[in-house]
Amino acid sequence: ENTKKAYIYRIRLNGADTKNINFTIKNHILSIQMDIKTTRNDKNGYFESSRFFYQEYSIPKNVQESKISHKKIGNYYVITMPKK
């Protein structure tokens, strides 16, 4: 989403826990990494799955890099990049 004040990215979490998200900014690149593991043991047996998510975003030159924020809102991980 591109608004007058910011670029906003929304990533659907699909049940992932935000403590398993690694958020970094380096060399004008924003990186998000999630390792999602699910286990279930019920009457039908034991189930385990693992998913890995990695995404990089180039930070536009008109962004205040030091003010980039990220937080969980509902089932989304929202990254806000304020414009200069």
N, C-alpha and C. Protein backbone atom coordinates (compact mmCIF):
# COMPACT_ATOMS: atom_id res chain seq x y z
N GLU A 1 0.84 -1.17 0.00
CA GLU A 1 0.00 0.00 0.00
C GLU A 1 0.89 1.24 0.00
N ASN A 2 0.58 2.18 -0.84
CA ASN A 2 1.35 3.41 -0.97
C ASN A 2 0.45 4.57 -0.61
N THR A 3 0.66 5.17 0.58
CA THR A 3 -0.14 6.31 1.00
C THR A 3 0.71 7.57 0.88
N LYS A 4 0.13 8.72 1.17
CA LYS A 4 0.88 9.97 1.12
C LYS A 4 1.99 10.01 2.15
N LYS A 5 1.79 9.32 3.29
CA LYS A 5 2.75 9.40 4.39
C LYS A 5 3.67 8.19 4.53
N ALA A 6 3.30 7.04 3.91
CA ALA A 6 4.10 5.83 4.15
C ALA A 6 3.83 4.75 3.11
N TYR A 7 4.78 3.82 3.05
CA TYR A 7 4.59 2.55 2.34
C TYR A 7 4.22 1.54 3.42
N ILE A 8 3.19 0.74 3.17
CA ILE A 8 2.74 -0.22 4.17
C ILE A 8 2.69 -1.60 3.54
N TYR A 9 3.37 -2.55 4.20
CA TYR A 9 3.40 -3.94 3.73
C TYR A 9 2.68 -4.79 4.77
N ARG A 10 1.81 -5.69 4.31
CA ARG A 10 1.08 -6.59 5.19
C ARG A 10 1.39 -8.03 4.78
N ILE A 11 1.86 -8.80 5.76
CA ILE A 11 2.19 -10.20 5.51
C ILE A 11 1.26 -11.05 6.37
N ARG A 12 0.51 -11.92 5.74
CA ARG A 12 -0.41 -12.79 6.47
C ARG A 12 0.40 -13.81 7.27
N LEU A 13 0.09 -13.92 8.55
CA LEU A 13 0.85 -14.80 9.44
C LEU A 13 0.41 -16.26 9.39
N ASN A 14 -0.82 -16.53 9.03
CA ASN A 14 -1.32 -17.91 8.97
C ASN A 14 -1.00 -18.70 10.24
N GLY A 15 -1.20 -18.06 11.39
CA GLY A 15 -0.99 -18.75 12.66
C GLY A 15 0.42 -18.70 13.19
N ALA A 16 1.35 -18.09 12.48
CA ALA A 16 2.74 -18.02 12.94
C ALA A 16 2.84 -17.12 14.17
N ASP A 17 3.73 -17.46 15.06
CA ASP A 17 3.97 -16.67 16.26
C ASP A 17 5.01 -15.60 15.94
N THR A 18 4.75 -14.36 16.33
CA THR A 18 5.66 -13.27 16.01
C THR A 18 7.04 -13.43 16.65
N LYS A 19 7.15 -14.24 17.70
CA LYS A 19 8.48 -14.46 18.29
C LYS A 19 9.37 -15.31 17.38
N ASN A 20 8.79 -15.91 16.34
CA ASN A 20 9.56 -16.68 15.35
C ASN A 20 9.89 -15.87 14.11
N ILE A 21 9.71 -14.55 14.18
CA ILE A 21 9.98 -13.67 13.05
C ILE A 21 11.29 -12.93 13.29
N ASN A 22 12.15 -12.95 12.30
CA ASN A 22 13.41 -12.22 12.36
C ASN A 22 13.30 -11.06 11.37
N PHE A 23 13.35 -9.84 11.89
CA PHE A 23 13.19 -8.62 11.10
C PHE A 23 14.51 -7.87 11.14
N THR A 24 15.11 -7.60 9.96
CA THR A 24 16.39 -6.88 9.93
C THR A 24 16.39 -5.83 8.82
N ILE A 25 17.20 -4.81 9.03
CA ILE A 25 17.45 -3.78 8.02
C ILE A 25 18.95 -3.66 7.88
N LYS A 26 19.44 -3.85 6.64
CA LYS A 26 20.88 -3.76 6.39
C LYS A 26 21.08 -3.31 4.94
N ASN A 27 21.93 -2.32 4.75
CA ASN A 27 22.26 -1.82 3.41
C ASN A 27 21.02 -1.44 2.60
N HIS A 28 20.08 -0.78 3.25
CA HIS A 28 18.84 -0.29 2.63
C HIS A 28 17.94 -1.44 2.13
N ILE A 29 18.10 -2.61 2.74
CA ILE A 29 17.26 -3.77 2.43
C ILE A 29 16.59 -4.22 3.73
N LEU A 30 15.28 -4.36 3.68
CA LEU A 30 14.52 -4.86 4.82
C LEU A 30 14.26 -6.35 4.59
N SER A 31 14.61 -7.19 5.55
CA SER A 31 14.45 -8.64 5.42
C SER A 31 13.54 -9.18 6.52
N ILE A 32 12.69 -10.11 6.14
CA ILE A 32 11.81 -10.78 7.08
C ILE A 32 11.97 -12.27 6.89
N GLN A 33 12.18 -12.95 8.00
CA GLN A 33 12.36 -14.40 7.96
C GLN A 33 11.47 -15.02 9.03
N MET A 34 10.70 -16.03 8.66
CA MET A 34 9.84 -16.74 9.62
C MET A 34 10.07 -18.23 9.49
N ASP A 35 10.20 -18.89 10.61
CA ASP A 35 10.28 -20.34 10.65
C ASP A 35 9.03 -20.81 11.40
N ILE A 36 8.12 -21.43 10.68
CA ILE A 36 6.82 -21.80 11.24
C ILE A 36 6.77 -23.31 11.40
N LYS A 37 6.65 -23.76 12.65
CA LYS A 37 6.56 -25.19 12.94
C LYS A 37 5.23 -25.49 13.62
N THR A 38 4.59 -26.53 13.16
CA THR A 38 3.30 -26.93 13.71
C THR A 38 3.36 -28.40 14.11
N THR A 39 2.89 -28.71 15.31
CA THR A 39 2.78 -30.10 15.73
C THR A 39 1.38 -30.33 16.28
N ARG A 40 0.88 -31.52 16.04
CA ARG A 40 -0.44 -31.87 16.52
C ARG A 40 -0.45 -33.36 16.84
N ASN A 41 -0.97 -33.70 17.98
CA ASN A 41 -1.09 -35.10 18.39
C ASN A 41 -2.54 -35.31 18.81
N ASP A 42 -3.28 -36.07 18.01
CA ASP A 42 -4.68 -36.33 18.35
C ASP A 42 -5.01 -37.79 18.08
N LYS A 43 -6.28 -38.13 18.07
CA LYS A 43 -6.70 -39.53 17.89
C LYS A 43 -6.30 -40.10 16.53
N ASN A 44 -6.01 -39.24 15.57
CA ASN A 44 -5.61 -39.69 14.23
C ASN A 44 -4.10 -39.86 14.11
N GLY A 45 -3.36 -39.51 15.15
CA GLY A 45 -1.92 -39.69 15.12
C GLY A 45 -1.18 -38.39 15.35
N TYR A 46 0.10 -38.44 15.08
CA TYR A 46 1.00 -37.30 15.31
C TYR A 46 1.29 -36.63 13.97
N PHE A 47 1.18 -35.33 13.95
CA PHE A 47 1.40 -34.56 12.73
C PHE A 47 2.40 -33.45 13.02
N GLU A 48 3.37 -33.29 12.15
CA GLU A 48 4.34 -32.22 12.30
C GLU A 48 4.63 -31.62 10.93
N SER A 49 4.67 -30.29 10.88
CA SER A 49 5.02 -29.62 9.62
C SER A 49 5.93 -28.45 9.92
N SER A 50 6.71 -28.08 8.93
CA SER A 50 7.62 -26.97 9.06
C SER A 50 7.58 -26.17 7.76
N ARG A 51 7.46 -24.86 7.91
CA ARG A 51 7.46 -23.97 6.75
C ARG A 51 8.44 -22.85 7.01
N PHE A 52 9.05 -22.37 5.95
CA PHE A 52 10.02 -21.30 6.05
C PHE A 52 9.61 -20.19 5.10
N PHE A 53 9.66 -18.95 5.56
CA PHE A 53 9.29 -17.80 4.75
C PHE A 53 10.44 -16.81 4.81
N TYR A 54 10.83 -16.28 3.66
CA TYR A 54 11.86 -15.24 3.61
C TYR A 54 11.49 -14.26 2.52
N GLN A 55 11.53 -12.97 2.87
CA GLN A 55 11.21 -11.94 1.89
C GLN A 55 12.12 -10.74 2.13
N GLU A 56 12.55 -10.11 1.04
CA GLU A 56 13.35 -8.89 1.12
C GLU A 56 12.63 -7.78 0.38
N TYR A 57 12.75 -6.57 0.93
CA TYR A 57 12.18 -5.38 0.31
C TYR A 57 13.28 -4.32 0.22
N SER A 58 13.44 -3.72 -0.94
CA SER A 58 14.34 -2.58 -1.07
C SER A 58 13.65 -1.38 -0.43
N ILE A 59 14.39 -0.67 0.38
CA ILE A 59 13.83 0.50 1.04
C ILE A 59 13.97 1.69 0.09
N PRO A 60 12.86 2.29 -0.30
CA PRO A 60 12.92 3.43 -1.21
C PRO A 60 13.72 4.59 -0.62
N LYS A 61 14.31 5.40 -1.48
CA LYS A 61 15.16 6.52 -1.03
C LYS A 61 14.38 7.59 -0.27
N ASN A 62 13.08 7.67 -0.49
CA ASN A 62 12.28 8.69 0.19
C ASN A 62 11.70 8.21 1.52
N VAL A 63 12.28 7.16 2.11
CA VAL A 63 11.81 6.60 3.39
C VAL A 63 12.75 7.02 4.51
N GLN A 64 12.16 7.33 5.67
CA GLN A 64 12.93 7.61 6.88
C GLN A 64 13.28 6.26 7.51
N GLU A 65 14.40 5.72 7.13
CA GLU A 65 14.79 4.36 7.51
C GLU A 65 14.79 4.14 9.03
N SER A 66 15.21 5.13 9.79
CA SER A 66 15.27 4.98 11.24
C SER A 66 13.89 4.92 11.90
N LYS A 67 12.84 5.25 11.16
CA LYS A 67 11.49 5.27 11.72
C LYS A 67 10.62 4.12 11.20
N ILE A 68 11.21 3.16 10.52
CA ILE A 68 10.45 2.00 10.05
C ILE A 68 9.96 1.23 11.26
N SER A 69 8.69 0.85 11.24
CA SER A 69 8.11 0.11 12.36
C SER A 69 7.47 -1.19 11.86
N HIS A 70 7.29 -2.12 12.78
CA HIS A 70 6.66 -3.40 12.45
C HIS A 70 5.93 -3.91 13.68
N LYS A 71 4.74 -4.50 13.45
CA LYS A 71 3.96 -5.04 14.55
C LYS A 71 2.89 -5.98 14.01
N LYS A 72 2.37 -6.79 14.91
CA LYS A 72 1.29 -7.71 14.56
C LYS A 72 -0.04 -6.99 14.74
N ILE A 73 -0.87 -7.07 13.70
CA ILE A 73 -2.22 -6.54 13.77
C ILE A 73 -3.15 -7.63 13.26
N GLY A 74 -3.91 -8.23 14.17
CA GLY A 74 -4.78 -9.34 13.80
C GLY A 74 -3.93 -10.50 13.32
N ASN A 75 -4.21 -11.02 12.14
CA ASN A 75 -3.46 -12.14 11.56
C ASN A 75 -2.41 -11.65 10.56
N TYR A 76 -2.00 -10.39 10.69
CA TYR A 76 -1.03 -9.81 9.76
C TYR A 76 0.17 -9.24 10.52
N TYR A 77 1.32 -9.30 9.88
CA TYR A 77 2.53 -8.64 10.33
C TYR A 77 2.64 -7.40 9.45
N VAL A 78 2.55 -6.23 10.05
CA VAL A 78 2.47 -4.98 9.28
C VAL A 78 3.76 -4.19 9.42
N ILE A 79 4.33 -3.82 8.29
CA ILE A 79 5.56 -3.03 8.25
C ILE A 79 5.20 -1.67 7.67
N THR A 80 5.56 -0.62 8.39
CA THR A 80 5.27 0.75 7.95
C THR A 80 6.59 1.48 7.73
N MET A 81 6.74 2.00 6.50
CA MET A 81 7.93 2.76 6.13
C MET A 81 7.52 4.21 5.89
N PRO A 82 7.72 5.09 6.90
CA PRO A 82 7.33 6.50 6.75
C PRO A 82 8.17 7.21 5.67
N LYS A 83 7.49 8.03 4.89
CA LYS A 83 8.18 8.82 3.86
C LYS A 83 8.77 10.07 4.47
N LYS A 84 9.81 10.60 3.83
CA LYS A 84 10.47 11.85 4.28
C LYS A 84 9.59 13.02 3.98
